[in-house]
Amino acid sequence: MANQTLGLDSNLYQYFQQVSIREAEILKALREETQKYPMARMQIAPEQGQLMALLVQLMKAKKTLDIGVFTGYSALVVALALPFDGQVIACDVDEEITKIAQQFWEKAGVRHKIDFHLAPALETLDQLIAKGENNTFDFAFIDADKSNYNNYYEKVLWLVKPGGLIAIDNVLWGGKVANSDIQDNRTKKIRAFNEKLHQDPRISLSLIPIADGVTLALKK
C-alpha cells in the first residue's frame, strides 16, 4: 500500500503535485493528522482522492459507497464532491481510528452526507441488498481487507446501477503482484482478483497506475 504514486522519483512526484493537486485545506489537515498514526500509509494519496472526486462530479453521482474508512479521507473527498443531498454509506470495523474520520467530517460540514456503519462491511452490504437497494448506487470505493476484495466486489456489483463505477484500491500492491516469487496470501488474493476482473464480461475495465494502483470497473 502507498500514499503516493509508485514509480515516480521525488523530483517528478513533487512537480506532478505542484501542477495537479488542488487539495482543500480540510483534506490537507486530515492527511497531516493521519501521519501521526503507525498505519498512515493506509491513507489514499491526494492525487487518487482528486481523481475520485473528478469522477464523481463527471458522473453527477448522488449515492455512493465507501468500503474501508480508516481516518476518513476517501469518504470526505467524495462527500465534498457530492451535491448537498448526496450520500456516502461508509463501512468500517475500527471504532477508534474512525473517530478521527467523524471529527473531520463534522469540521468539513459534510457529516449529514455520510451514513457511517460501524460493522463488517459484508454485513452492511447484505443489509442493503436485502432492503432492495440493488442497482441504486452511482459510485463505490473498495479499500478494505484484501482477502475479502472478491466478496466486496460481487456484492457491490449488485448494488451499483448499470453505468455506475466501482473503484478498487491497492491493485498493484507495491509491485508485489508482478513478482511471481512473492506468494503470500494477500498478494495471491489481489493477483487472482486482478486476473478475474480482466476477464469479467459484466464490466468495462481500466487499471490506473496512480498511487498503489486503482482499478476502475464500469458496470455494463
Protein backbone atom coordinates (compact mmCIF):
# COMPACT_ATOMS: atom_id res chain seq x y z
CA MET A 1 0.00 0.00 0.00
CA ALA A 2 1.21 3.53 -0.71
CA ASN A 3 0.01 7.07 -0.05
CA GLN A 4 1.72 8.46 -3.13
CA THR A 5 2.04 7.29 -6.73
CA LEU A 6 4.50 4.46 -7.25
CA GLY A 7 7.39 4.67 -9.71
CA LEU A 8 7.97 8.44 -9.73
CA ASP A 9 11.22 9.86 -8.38
CA SER A 10 10.91 12.56 -5.74
CA ASN A 11 11.54 15.47 -8.14
CA LEU A 12 8.97 14.30 -10.68
CA TYR A 13 6.43 13.50 -7.98
CA GLN A 14 6.88 16.96 -6.48
CA TYR A 15 6.37 18.57 -9.90
CA PHE A 16 3.35 16.35 -10.51
CA GLN A 17 1.79 17.58 -7.28
CA GLN A 18 2.65 21.22 -7.96
CA VAL A 19 0.85 21.32 -11.30
CA SER A 20 -2.02 18.97 -10.48
CA ILE A 21 -3.15 18.82 -6.87
CA ARG A 22 -5.87 21.21 -5.70
CA GLU A 23 -6.40 19.88 -2.19
CA ALA A 24 -8.89 21.54 0.15
CA GLU A 25 -7.40 22.69 3.46
CA ILE A 26 -9.58 20.27 5.42
CA LEU A 27 -8.24 17.36 3.36
CA LYS A 28 -4.67 18.54 3.87
CA ALA A 29 -5.30 18.82 7.61
CA LEU A 30 -6.68 15.27 7.68
CA ARG A 31 -3.60 13.92 5.89
CA GLU A 32 -1.36 15.69 8.41
CA GLU A 33 -3.36 14.25 11.32
CA THR A 34 -3.17 10.76 9.83
CA GLN A 35 0.63 10.96 9.64
CA LYS A 36 0.70 10.73 13.45
CA TYR A 37 -0.51 7.12 13.31
CA PRO A 38 1.55 3.98 12.63
CA MET A 39 -0.63 2.87 9.71
CA ALA A 40 -0.57 6.24 7.92
CA ARG A 41 0.40 4.53 4.67
CA MET A 42 -3.15 3.14 4.51
CA GLN A 43 -4.46 6.60 3.59
CA ILE A 44 -5.05 7.19 -0.10
CA ALA A 45 -2.82 9.61 -1.98
CA PRO A 46 -4.15 13.14 -2.65
CA GLU A 47 -3.91 12.59 -6.40
CA GLN A 48 -6.08 9.50 -6.04
CA GLY A 49 -8.66 11.38 -4.00
CA GLN A 50 -8.72 14.18 -6.56
CA LEU A 51 -9.31 11.65 -9.36
CA MET A 52 -12.18 10.08 -7.43
CA ALA A 53 -13.76 13.47 -6.81
CA LEU A 54 -13.50 14.33 -10.51
CA LEU A 55 -15.14 11.04 -11.49
CA VAL A 56 -17.96 11.57 -9.01
CA GLN A 57 -18.56 15.05 -10.43
CA LEU A 58 -18.41 13.84 -14.04
CA MET A 59 -21.00 11.17 -13.25
CA LYS A 60 -23.18 13.61 -11.32
CA ALA A 61 -23.24 10.92 -8.63
CA LYS A 62 -25.53 11.24 -5.61
CA LYS A 63 -25.42 7.85 -3.89
CA THR A 64 -22.07 6.20 -3.09
CA LEU A 65 -20.36 3.50 -1.03
CA ASP A 66 -17.08 3.68 0.88
CA ILE A 67 -15.77 0.25 1.94
CA GLY A 68 -12.92 0.83 4.40
CA VAL A 69 -12.95 4.22 6.13
CA PHE A 70 -9.69 4.39 8.13
CA THR A 71 -9.29 8.12 9.02
CA GLY A 72 -11.96 9.13 6.54
CA TYR A 73 -10.11 10.75 3.62
CA SER A 74 -11.84 8.81 0.82
CA ALA A 75 -15.32 9.37 2.26
CA LEU A 76 -14.53 13.04 2.85
CA VAL A 77 -13.16 13.73 -0.62
CA VAL A 78 -16.21 12.08 -2.20
CA ALA A 79 -18.67 13.83 0.15
CA LEU A 80 -17.14 17.20 -0.73
CA ALA A 81 -17.70 16.43 -4.42
CA LEU A 82 -21.33 15.37 -3.95
CA PRO A 83 -24.29 17.75 -4.04
CA PHE A 84 -25.88 18.83 -0.74
CA ASP A 85 -28.34 15.91 -0.83
CA GLY A 86 -25.69 13.35 -1.83
CA GLN A 87 -24.94 10.35 0.34
CA VAL A 88 -21.93 8.21 1.23
CA ILE A 89 -22.61 4.94 3.03
CA ALA A 90 -19.29 4.32 4.80
CA CYS A 91 -18.27 0.99 6.35
CA ASP A 92 -15.53 0.10 8.83
CA VAL A 93 -14.99 -2.02 11.95
CA ASP A 94 -12.36 0.09 13.76
CA GLU A 95 -14.16 2.23 16.33
CA GLU A 96 -11.08 4.17 17.45
CA ILE A 97 -9.48 5.21 14.15
CA THR A 98 -12.85 6.14 12.62
CA LYS A 99 -13.40 8.68 15.40
CA ILE A 100 -10.85 10.81 13.56
CA ALA A 101 -12.88 10.42 10.37
CA GLN A 102 -16.08 11.55 12.05
CA GLN A 103 -14.38 14.58 13.61
CA PHE A 104 -13.14 15.73 10.21
CA TRP A 105 -16.46 15.08 8.51
CA GLU A 106 -18.02 17.40 11.08
CA LYS A 107 -15.34 20.06 10.58
CA ALA A 108 -15.86 19.91 6.82
CA GLY A 109 -19.62 20.37 7.15
CA VAL A 110 -20.43 17.14 5.31
CA ARG A 111 -21.43 14.90 8.21
CA HIS A 112 -25.03 14.97 7.03
CA LYS A 113 -23.96 13.31 3.76
CA ILE A 114 -22.16 10.37 5.40
CA ASP A 115 -24.06 7.40 6.84
CA PHE A 116 -21.40 5.57 8.87
CA HIS A 117 -21.84 1.88 9.69
CA LEU A 118 -19.56 0.52 12.41
CA ALA A 119 -19.88 -3.13 11.38
CA PRO A 120 -18.29 -5.63 9.00
CA ALA A 121 -18.82 -4.25 5.51
CA LEU A 122 -20.14 -7.54 4.17
CA GLU A 123 -22.95 -7.38 6.72
CA THR A 124 -23.82 -3.83 5.74
CA LEU A 125 -23.77 -4.72 2.04
CA ASP A 126 -26.00 -7.73 2.67
CA GLN A 127 -28.45 -5.49 4.54
CA LEU A 128 -28.56 -3.05 1.63
CA ILE A 129 -29.20 -5.89 -0.80
CA ALA A 130 -31.93 -7.29 1.47
CA LYS A 131 -33.59 -3.85 1.54
CA GLY A 132 -33.81 -3.90 -2.25
CA GLU A 133 -31.15 -1.29 -2.95
CA ASN A 134 -29.71 -3.22 -5.89
CA ASN A 135 -28.88 -1.04 -8.92
CA THR A 136 -29.22 2.23 -6.98
CA PHE A 137 -25.64 3.35 -6.26
CA ASP A 138 -23.68 5.56 -8.64
CA PHE A 139 -20.18 5.02 -7.28
CA ALA A 140 -18.35 2.73 -4.87
CA PHE A 141 -14.83 2.69 -3.47
CA ILE A 142 -13.32 -0.54 -2.13
CA ASP A 143 -10.27 -0.17 0.14
CA ALA A 144 -10.59 -2.67 2.99
CA ASP A 145 -9.11 -6.07 3.89
CA LYS A 146 -7.63 -7.56 0.74
CA SER A 147 -8.70 -11.14 1.47
CA ASN A 148 -12.33 -10.04 1.00
CA TYR A 149 -11.87 -7.99 -2.16
CA ASN A 150 -13.70 -10.51 -4.31
CA ASN A 151 -16.61 -10.72 -1.82
CA TYR A 152 -16.89 -6.92 -1.61
CA TYR A 153 -16.76 -6.64 -5.38
CA GLU A 154 -19.52 -9.18 -6.01
CA LYS A 155 -21.89 -7.52 -3.53
CA VAL A 156 -21.07 -4.01 -4.70
CA LEU A 157 -21.68 -5.09 -8.29
CA TRP A 158 -25.26 -5.92 -7.27
CA LEU A 159 -25.71 -2.53 -5.62
CA VAL A 160 -24.19 -0.28 -8.30
CA LYS A 161 -26.51 0.67 -11.13
CA PRO A 162 -25.69 -0.03 -14.80
CA GLY A 163 -23.33 2.76 -15.80
CA GLY A 164 -22.17 3.04 -12.20
CA LEU A 165 -18.50 2.95 -11.32
CA ILE A 166 -16.52 0.84 -8.83
CA ALA A 167 -13.02 1.99 -7.84
CA ILE A 168 -10.75 -0.56 -6.16
CA ASP A 169 -7.55 0.46 -4.37
CA ASN A 170 -4.12 -1.18 -3.95
CA VAL A 171 -4.40 -3.43 -7.00
CA LEU A 172 -0.66 -3.05 -7.76
CA TRP A 173 0.17 -3.90 -4.13
CA GLY A 174 3.51 -2.13 -4.10
CA GLY A 175 4.58 -4.05 -7.20
CA LYS A 176 4.35 -7.44 -5.47
CA VAL A 177 1.64 -8.70 -7.84
CA ALA A 178 4.14 -8.66 -10.72
CA ASN A 179 6.73 -10.69 -8.85
CA SER A 180 6.00 -14.40 -9.18
CA ASP A 181 8.43 -15.17 -6.36
CA ILE A 182 6.07 -13.49 -3.89
CA GLN A 183 3.37 -15.94 -2.84
CA ASP A 184 1.96 -14.65 0.45
CA ASN A 185 -1.80 -14.94 0.86
CA ARG A 186 -2.74 -11.27 0.36
CA THR A 187 -0.58 -10.90 -2.74
CA LYS A 188 -2.07 -14.06 -4.24
CA LYS A 189 -5.59 -12.83 -3.46
CA ILE A 190 -5.03 -9.49 -5.20
CA ARG A 191 -3.29 -11.15 -8.14
CA ALA A 192 -6.23 -13.55 -8.61
CA PHE A 193 -8.70 -10.69 -8.20
CA ASN A 194 -6.96 -8.64 -10.89
CA GLU A 195 -6.99 -11.60 -13.26
CA LYS A 196 -10.69 -12.18 -12.59
CA LEU A 197 -11.65 -8.58 -13.35
CA HIS A 198 -9.58 -8.64 -16.53
CA GLN A 199 -11.88 -11.40 -17.81
CA ASP A 200 -15.18 -10.21 -16.27
CA PRO A 201 -17.73 -9.51 -19.06
CA ARG A 202 -20.03 -7.64 -16.66
CA ILE A 203 -17.77 -4.58 -16.60
CA SER A 204 -15.67 -2.24 -18.69
CA LEU A 205 -12.22 -2.02 -17.13
CA SER A 206 -9.23 0.24 -16.70
CA LEU A 207 -6.39 -0.18 -14.20
CA ILE A 208 -4.92 3.25 -13.48
CA PRO A 209 -1.28 3.26 -12.25
CA ILE A 210 -1.93 6.08 -9.79
CA ALA A 211 -0.96 5.76 -6.10
CA ASP A 212 -0.81 1.98 -5.42
CA GLY A 213 -2.94 1.16 -8.47
CA VAL A 214 -6.66 1.85 -8.80
CA THR A 215 -8.94 -0.32 -10.90
CA LEU A 216 -12.00 1.38 -12.38
CA ALA A 217 -14.82 -1.02 -13.21
CA LEU A 218 -17.84 0.38 -15.05
CA LYS A 219 -20.90 -1.83 -14.67
CA LYS A 220 -22.50 -2.64 -18.02
